[in-house]
């Protein structure tokens, strides 16, 4: 087991969960969301922001944890 990789994965998943929570309860805390909505449009800006700040950290976290459990290092 590589505990550093597992820890990094848990942090990434925690960040993803945090963004879901903030998106539901206090979306005005996202400083980059408004510029993205202005540049890409309302709907596409939200989708890109969601993928970049919620989905991607979740996937990365799962991969890091999987690698860590198998004894591999992310570096």
PDB file of N, CA and C in Angstrom:
ATOM      1  N   UNK A   1       0.843  -1.185   0.000  1.00  0.00           N
ATOM      2  CA  UNK A   1       0.000   0.000   0.000  1.00  0.00           C
ATOM      3  C   UNK A   1       0.883   1.240   0.000  1.00  0.00           C
ATOM      4  N   UNK A   2       0.464   2.212  -0.748  1.00  0.00           N
ATOM      5  CA  UNK A   2       1.161   3.491  -0.764  1.00  0.00           C
ATOM      6  C   UNK A   2       0.226   4.520  -0.135  1.00  0.00           C
ATOM      7  N   UNK A   3       0.537   4.887   1.083  1.00  0.00           N
ATOM      8  CA  UNK A   3      -0.360   5.758   1.838  1.00  0.00           C
ATOM      9  C   UNK A   3      -0.399   7.181   1.298  1.00  0.00           C
ATOM     10  N   UNK A   4       0.676   7.623   0.664  1.00  0.00           N
ATOM     11  CA  UNK A   4       0.662   8.959   0.071  1.00  0.00           C
ATOM     12  C   UNK A   4      -0.346   9.033  -1.075  1.00  0.00           C
ATOM     13  N   UNK A   5      -0.349   8.026  -1.926  1.00  0.00           N
ATOM     14  CA  UNK A   5      -1.290   7.998  -3.052  1.00  0.00           C
ATOM     15  C   UNK A   5      -2.726   7.913  -2.548  1.00  0.00           C
ATOM     16  N   UNK A   6      -2.951   7.104  -1.539  1.00  0.00           N
ATOM     17  CA  UNK A   6      -4.291   6.974  -0.972  1.00  0.00           C
ATOM     18  C   UNK A   6      -4.735   8.298  -0.359  1.00  0.00           C
ATOM     19  N   UNK A   7      -3.833   8.963   0.361  1.00  0.00           N
ATOM     20  CA  UNK A   7      -4.165  10.250   0.972  1.00  0.00           C
ATOM     21  C   UNK A   7      -4.492  11.301  -0.081  1.00  0.00           C
ATOM     22  N   UNK A   8      -3.704  11.338  -1.148  1.00  0.00           N
ATOM     23  CA  UNK A   8      -3.975  12.287  -2.227  1.00  0.00           C
ATOM     24  C   UNK A   8      -5.339  12.000  -2.862  1.00  0.00           C
ATOM     25  N   UNK A   9      -5.673  10.742  -3.011  1.00  0.00           N
ATOM     26  CA  UNK A   9      -6.975  10.371  -3.562  1.00  0.00           C
ATOM     27  C   UNK A   9      -8.119  10.770  -2.664  1.00  0.00           C
ATOM     28  N   UNK A  10      -7.949  10.582  -1.372  1.00  0.00           N
ATOM     29  CA  UNK A  10      -8.993  10.967  -0.418  1.00  0.00           C
ATOM     30  C   UNK A  10      -9.184  12.480  -0.428  1.00  0.00           C
ATOM     31  N   UNK A  11      -8.092  13.228  -0.519  1.00  0.00           N
ATOM     32  CA  UNK A  11      -8.191  14.689  -0.585  1.00  0.00           C
ATOM     33  C   UNK A  11      -8.911  15.119  -1.857  1.00  0.00           C
ATOM     34  N   UNK A  12      -8.596  14.502  -2.984  1.00  0.00           N
ATOM     35  CA  UNK A  12      -9.253  14.842  -4.243  1.00  0.00           C
ATOM     36  C   UNK A  12     -10.754  14.544  -4.189  1.00  0.00           C
ATOM     37  N   UNK A  13     -11.117  13.402  -3.636  1.00  0.00           N
ATOM     38  CA  UNK A  13     -12.534  13.058  -3.508  1.00  0.00           C
ATOM     39  C   UNK A  13     -13.219  14.006  -2.525  1.00  0.00           C
ATOM     40  N   UNK A  14     -12.532  14.354  -1.447  1.00  0.00           N
ATOM     41  CA  UNK A  14     -13.085  15.322  -0.493  1.00  0.00           C
ATOM     42  C   UNK A  14     -13.342  16.666  -1.139  1.00  0.00           C
ATOM     43  N   UNK A  15     -12.424  17.111  -1.997  1.00  0.00           N
ATOM     44  CA  UNK A  15     -12.624  18.373  -2.719  1.00  0.00           C
ATOM     45  C   UNK A  15     -13.834  18.284  -3.638  1.00  0.00           C
ATOM     46  N   UNK A  16     -13.986  17.157  -4.303  1.00  0.00           N
ATOM     47  CA  UNK A  16     -15.128  16.960  -5.182  1.00  0.00           C
ATOM     48  C   UNK A  16     -16.442  17.025  -4.399  1.00  0.00           C
ATOM     49  N   UNK A  17     -16.483  16.378  -3.263  1.00  0.00           N
ATOM     50  CA  UNK A  17     -17.688  16.410  -2.416  1.00  0.00           C
ATOM     51  C   UNK A  17     -17.946  17.823  -1.918  1.00  0.00           C
ATOM     52  N   UNK A  18     -16.870  18.534  -1.549  1.00  0.00           N
ATOM     53  CA  UNK A  18     -16.995  19.926  -1.106  1.00  0.00           C
ATOM     54  C   UNK A  18     -17.617  20.800  -2.196  1.00  0.00           C
ATOM     55  N   UNK A  19     -17.172  20.623  -3.456  1.00  0.00           N
ATOM     56  CA  UNK A  19     -17.732  21.448  -4.529  1.00  0.00           C
ATOM     57  C   UNK A  19     -19.209  21.147  -4.766  1.00  0.00           C
ATOM     58  N   UNK A  20     -19.605  19.893  -4.611  1.00  0.00           N
ATOM     59  CA  UNK A  20     -21.029  19.558  -4.741  1.00  0.00           C
ATOM     60  C   UNK A  20     -21.825  20.253  -3.644  1.00  0.00           C
ATOM     61  N   UNK A  21     -21.315  20.204  -2.423  1.00  0.00           N
ATOM     62  CA  UNK A  21     -21.988  20.834  -1.294  1.00  0.00           C
ATOM     63  C   UNK A  21     -22.102  22.349  -1.487  1.00  0.00           C
ATOM     64  N   UNK A  22     -21.013  22.981  -1.881  1.00  0.00           N
ATOM     65  CA  UNK A  22     -21.025  24.433  -2.089  1.00  0.00           C
ATOM     66  C   UNK A  22     -21.911  24.800  -3.275  1.00  0.00           C
ATOM     67  N   UNK A  23     -21.892  23.996  -4.315  1.00  0.00           N
ATOM     68  CA  UNK A  23     -22.723  24.275  -5.495  1.00  0.00           C
ATOM     69  C   UNK A  23     -24.207  24.302  -5.123  1.00  0.00           C
ATOM     70  N   UNK A  24     -24.614  23.429  -4.205  1.00  0.00           N
ATOM     71  CA  UNK A  24     -26.013  23.372  -3.780  1.00  0.00           C
ATOM     72  C   UNK A  24     -26.373  24.491  -2.800  1.00  0.00           C
ATOM     73  N   UNK A  25     -25.466  24.795  -1.866  1.00  0.00           N
ATOM     74  CA  UNK A  25     -25.804  25.692  -0.764  1.00  0.00           C
ATOM     75  C   UNK A  25     -25.347  27.137  -0.938  1.00  0.00           C
ATOM     76  N   UNK A  26     -24.235  27.359  -1.641  1.00  0.00           N
ATOM     77  CA  UNK A  26     -23.680  28.703  -1.721  1.00  0.00           C
ATOM     78  C   UNK A  26     -22.906  28.882  -3.035  1.00  0.00           C
ATOM     79  N   UNK A  27     -23.586  28.826  -4.182  1.00  0.00           N
ATOM     80  CA  UNK A  27     -22.867  28.831  -5.461  1.00  0.00           C
ATOM     81  C   UNK A  27     -22.122  30.127  -5.760  1.00  0.00           C
ATOM     82  N   UNK A  28     -22.441  31.214  -5.082  1.00  0.00           N
ATOM     83  CA  UNK A  28     -21.732  32.463  -5.349  1.00  0.00           C
ATOM     84  C   UNK A  28     -20.290  32.449  -4.831  1.00  0.00           C
ATOM     85  N   UNK A  29     -19.890  31.408  -4.103  1.00  0.00           N
ATOM     86  CA  UNK A  29     -18.503  31.281  -3.646  1.00  0.00           C
ATOM     87  C   UNK A  29     -17.557  30.899  -4.778  1.00  0.00           C
ATOM     88  N   UNK A  30     -18.089  30.381  -5.875  1.00  0.00           N
ATOM     89  CA  UNK A  30     -17.250  30.014  -7.010  1.00  0.00           C
ATOM     90  C   UNK A  30     -16.888  31.274  -7.785  1.00  0.00           C
ATOM     91  N   UNK A  31     -15.638  31.700  -7.671  1.00  0.00           N
ATOM     92  CA  UNK A  31     -15.197  32.930  -8.324  1.00  0.00           C
ATOM     93  C   UNK A  31     -15.031  32.758  -9.827  1.00  0.00           C
ATOM     94  N   UNK A  32     -14.720  31.557 -10.272  1.00  0.00           N
ATOM     95  CA  UNK A  32     -14.472  31.336 -11.690  1.00  0.00           C
ATOM     96  C   UNK A  32     -15.736  30.960 -12.463  1.00  0.00           C
ATOM     97  N   UNK A  33     -16.815  30.700 -11.760  1.00  0.00           N
ATOM     98  CA  UNK A  33     -18.036  30.265 -12.442  1.00  0.00           C
ATOM     99  C   UNK A  33     -18.638  31.382 -13.284  1.00  0.00           C
ATOM    100  N   UNK A  34     -18.737  32.577 -12.750  1.00  0.00           N
ATOM    101  CA  UNK A  34     -19.337  33.690 -13.500  1.00  0.00           C
ATOM    102  C   UNK A  34     -18.553  34.029 -14.773  1.00  0.00           C
ATOM    103  N   UNK A  35     -17.216  34.151 -14.702  1.00  0.00           N
ATOM    104  CA  UNK A  35     -16.484  34.386 -15.956  1.00  0.00           C
ATOM    105  C   UNK A  35     -16.654  33.255 -16.971  1.00  0.00           C
ATOM    106  N   UNK A  36     -16.749  32.030 -16.487  1.00  0.00           N
ATOM    107  CA  UNK A  36     -16.943  30.907 -17.400  1.00  0.00           C
ATOM    108  C   UNK A  36     -18.320  30.974 -18.052  1.00  0.00           C
ATOM    109  N   UNK A  37     -19.335  31.371 -17.280  1.00  0.00           N
ATOM    110  CA  UNK A  37     -20.682  31.502 -17.848  1.00  0.00           C
ATOM    111  C   UNK A  37     -20.725  32.635 -18.863  1.00  0.00           C
ATOM    112  N   UNK A  38     -19.991  33.701 -18.617  1.00  0.00           N
ATOM    113  CA  UNK A  38     -19.957  34.816 -19.575  1.00  0.00           C
ATOM    114  C   UNK A  38     -19.245  34.413 -20.851  1.00  0.00           C
ATOM    115  N   UNK A  39     -18.163  33.660 -20.728  1.00  0.00           N
ATOM    116  CA  UNK A  39     -17.380  33.280 -21.898  1.00  0.00           C
ATOM    117  C   UNK A  39     -18.057  32.178 -22.708  1.00  0.00           C
ATOM    118  N   UNK A  40     -18.528  31.126 -22.052  1.00  0.00           N
ATOM    119  CA  UNK A  40     -19.074  29.953 -22.726  1.00  0.00           C
ATOM    120  C   UNK A  40     -20.592  29.970 -22.852  1.00  0.00           C
ATOM    121  N   UNK A  41     -21.249  30.872 -22.159  1.00  0.00           N
ATOM    122  CA  UNK A  41     -22.708  30.857 -22.114  1.00  0.00           C
ATOM    123  C   UNK A  41     -23.168  30.231 -20.809  1.00  0.00           C
ATOM    124  N   UNK A  42     -24.415  30.478 -20.441  1.00  0.00           N
ATOM    125  CA  UNK A  42     -24.938  30.052 -19.141  1.00  0.00           C
ATOM    126  C   UNK A  42     -24.825  28.538 -18.933  1.00  0.00           C
ATOM    127  N   UNK A  43     -25.397  27.762 -19.823  1.00  0.00           N
ATOM    128  CA  UNK A  43     -25.464  26.312 -19.627  1.00  0.00           C
ATOM    129  C   UNK A  43     -24.108  25.634 -19.805  1.00  0.00           C
ATOM    130  N   UNK A  44     -23.406  25.955 -20.882  1.00  0.00           N
ATOM    131  CA  UNK A  44     -22.119  25.318 -21.147  1.00  0.00           C
ATOM    132  C   UNK A  44     -21.078  25.718 -20.102  1.00  0.00           C
ATOM    133  N   UNK A  45     -21.120  26.941 -19.629  1.00  0.00           N
ATOM    134  CA  UNK A  45     -20.200  27.381 -18.578  1.00  0.00           C
ATOM    135  C   UNK A  45     -20.380  26.580 -17.300  1.00  0.00           C
ATOM    136  N   UNK A  46     -21.634  26.320 -16.937  1.00  0.00           N
ATOM    137  CA  UNK A  46     -21.914  25.510 -15.745  1.00  0.00           C
ATOM    138  C   UNK A  46     -21.433  24.078 -15.945  1.00  0.00           C
ATOM    139  N   UNK A  47     -21.665  23.525 -17.123  1.00  0.00           N
ATOM    140  CA  UNK A  47     -21.243  22.137 -17.404  1.00  0.00           C
ATOM    141  C   UNK A  47     -19.726  22.012 -17.354  1.00  0.00           C
ATOM    142  N   UNK A  48     -19.021  22.937 -17.987  1.00  0.00           N
ATOM    143  CA  UNK A  48     -17.558  22.888 -17.990  1.00  0.00           C
ATOM    144  C   UNK A  48     -17.019  23.056 -16.574  1.00  0.00           C
ATOM    145  N   UNK A  49     -17.594  23.966 -15.814  1.00  0.00           N
ATOM    146  CA  UNK A  49     -17.171  24.176 -14.434  1.00  0.00           C
ATOM    147  C   UNK A  49     -17.424  22.922 -13.602  1.00  0.00           C
ATOM    148  N   UNK A  50     -18.576  22.291 -13.778  1.00  0.00           N
ATOM    149  CA  UNK A  50     -18.917  21.074 -13.044  1.00  0.00           C
ATOM    150  C   UNK A  50     -17.942  19.946 -13.374  1.00  0.00           C
ATOM    151  N   UNK A  51     -17.635  19.779 -14.650  1.00  0.00           N
ATOM    152  CA  UNK A  51     -16.704  18.726 -15.054  1.00  0.00           C
ATOM    153  C   UNK A  51     -15.303  19.000 -14.506  1.00  0.00           C
ATOM    154  N   UNK A  52     -14.864  20.248 -14.593  1.00  0.00           N
ATOM    155  CA  UNK A  52     -13.517  20.591 -14.170  1.00  0.00           C
ATOM    156  C   UNK A  52     -13.299  20.574 -12.672  1.00  0.00           C
ATOM    157  N   UNK A  53     -14.322  20.954 -11.911  1.00  0.00           N
ATOM    158  CA  UNK A  53     -14.130  21.110 -10.472  1.00  0.00           C
ATOM    159  C   UNK A  53     -14.838  20.052  -9.625  1.00  0.00           C
ATOM    160  N   UNK A  54     -15.643  19.201 -10.244  1.00  0.00           N
ATOM    161  CA  UNK A  54     -16.336  18.168  -9.478  1.00  0.00           C
ATOM    162  C   UNK A  54     -16.045  16.772 -10.027  1.00  0.00           C
ATOM    163  N   UNK A  55     -16.271  16.566 -11.304  1.00  0.00           N
ATOM    164  CA  UNK A  55     -16.115  15.237 -11.893  1.00  0.00           C
ATOM    165  C   UNK A  55     -14.637  14.832 -11.984  1.00  0.00           C
ATOM    166  N   UNK A  56     -13.803  15.734 -12.471  1.00  0.00           N
ATOM    167  CA  UNK A  56     -12.384  15.410 -12.641  1.00  0.00           C
ATOM    168  C   UNK A  56     -11.703  15.055 -11.321  1.00  0.00           C
ATOM    169  N   UNK A  57     -11.866  15.868 -10.245  1.00  0.00           N
ATOM    170  CA  UNK A  57     -11.238  15.452  -8.979  1.00  0.00           C
ATOM    171  C   UNK A  57     -11.772  14.118  -8.450  1.00  0.00           C
ATOM    172  N   UNK A  58     -13.039  13.835  -8.694  1.00  0.00           N
ATOM    173  CA  UNK A  58     -13.599  12.562  -8.259  1.00  0.00           C
ATOM    174  C   UNK A  58     -12.921  11.396  -8.981  1.00  0.00           C
ATOM    175  N   UNK A  59     -12.782  11.502 -10.279  1.00  0.00           N
ATOM    176  CA  UNK A  59     -12.144  10.439 -11.065  1.00  0.00           C
ATOM    177  C   UNK A  59     -10.670  10.298 -10.688  1.00  0.00           C
ATOM    178  N   UNK A  60      -9.979  11.425 -10.564  1.00  0.00           N
ATOM    179  CA  UNK A  60      -8.568  11.395 -10.181  1.00  0.00           C
ATOM    180  C   UNK A  60      -8.404  10.763  -8.795  1.00  0.00           C
ATOM    181  N   UNK A  61      -9.279  11.120  -7.872  1.00  0.00           N
ATOM    182  CA  UNK A  61      -9.220  10.547  -6.529  1.00  0.00           C
ATOM    183  C   UNK A  61      -9.406   9.050  -6.531  1.00  0.00           C
ATOM    184  N   UNK A  62     -10.348   8.573  -7.314  1.00  0.00           N
ATOM    185  CA  UNK A  62     -10.583   7.127  -7.409  1.00  0.00           C
ATOM    186  C   UNK A  62      -9.348   6.422  -7.989  1.00  0.00           C
ATOM    187  N   UNK A  63      -8.756   7.011  -9.016  1.00  0.00           N
ATOM    188  CA  UNK A  63      -7.558   6.419  -9.625  1.00  0.00           C
ATOM    189  C   UNK A  63      -6.404   6.397  -8.633  1.00  0.00           C
ATOM    190  N   UNK A  64      -6.199   7.501  -7.912  1.00  0.00           N
ATOM    191  CA  UNK A  64      -5.111   7.560  -6.934  1.00  0.00           C
ATOM    192  C   UNK A  64      -5.301   6.523  -5.833  1.00  0.00           C
ATOM    193  N   UNK A  65      -6.512   6.383  -5.338  1.00  0.00           N
ATOM    194  CA  UNK A  65      -6.770   5.395  -4.288  1.00  0.00           C
ATOM    195  C   UNK A  65      -6.532   3.982  -4.816  1.00  0.00           C
ATOM    196  N   UNK A  66      -6.988   3.711  -6.017  1.00  0.00           N
ATOM    197  CA  UNK A  66      -6.779   2.399  -6.622  1.00  0.00           C
ATOM    198  C   UNK A  66      -5.287   2.108  -6.755  1.00  0.00           C
ATOM    199  N   UNK A  67      -4.534   3.072  -7.259  1.00  0.00           N
ATOM    200  CA  UNK A  67      -3.090   2.887  -7.393  1.00  0.00           C
ATOM    201  C   UNK A  67      -2.436   2.693  -6.033  1.00  0.00           C
ATOM    202  N   UNK A  68      -2.864   3.481  -5.054  1.00  0.00           N
ATOM    203  CA  UNK A  68      -2.290   3.374  -3.708  1.00  0.00           C
ATOM    204  C   UNK A  68      -2.541   2.040  -3.061  1.00  0.00           C
ATOM    205  N   UNK A  69      -3.730   1.504  -3.246  1.00  0.00           N
ATOM    206  CA  UNK A  69      -4.053   0.188  -2.690  1.00  0.00           C
ATOM    207  C   UNK A  69      -3.207  -0.895  -3.337  1.00  0.00           C
ATOM    208  N   UNK A  70      -2.916  -0.717  -4.604  1.00  0.00           N
ATOM    209  CA  UNK A  70      -2.076  -1.691  -5.318  1.00  0.00           C
ATOM    210  C   UNK A  70      -0.596  -1.461  -5.109  1.00  0.00           C
ATOM    211  N   UNK A  71      -0.229  -0.487  -4.269  1.00  0.00           N
ATOM    212  CA  UNK A  71       1.170  -0.262  -3.936  1.00  0.00           C
ATOM    213  C   UNK A  71       1.918   0.652  -4.880  1.00  0.00           C
ATOM    214  N   UNK A  72       1.244   1.272  -5.814  1.00  0.00           N
ATOM    215  CA  UNK A  72       1.901   2.158  -6.771  1.00  0.00           C
ATOM    216  C   UNK A  72       1.895   3.593  -6.253  1.00  0.00           C
ATOM    217  N   UNK A  73       2.904   4.335  -6.635  1.00  0.00           N
ATOM    218  CA  UNK A  73       2.995   5.734  -6.242  1.00  0.00           C
ATOM    219  C   UNK A  73       2.519   6.620  -7.397  1.00  0.00           C
ATOM    220  N   UNK A  74       1.919   7.747  -7.062  1.00  0.00           N
ATOM    221  CA  UNK A  74       1.444   8.652  -8.116  1.00  0.00           C
ATOM    222  C   UNK A  74       2.596   9.504  -8.648  1.00  0.00           C
ATOM    223  N   UNK A  75       3.761   9.420  -8.016  1.00  0.00           N
ATOM    224  CA  UNK A  75       4.933  10.161  -8.495  1.00  0.00           C
ATOM    225  C   UNK A  75       6.022   9.220  -8.905  1.00  0.00           C
TER     226      UNK A  75
END
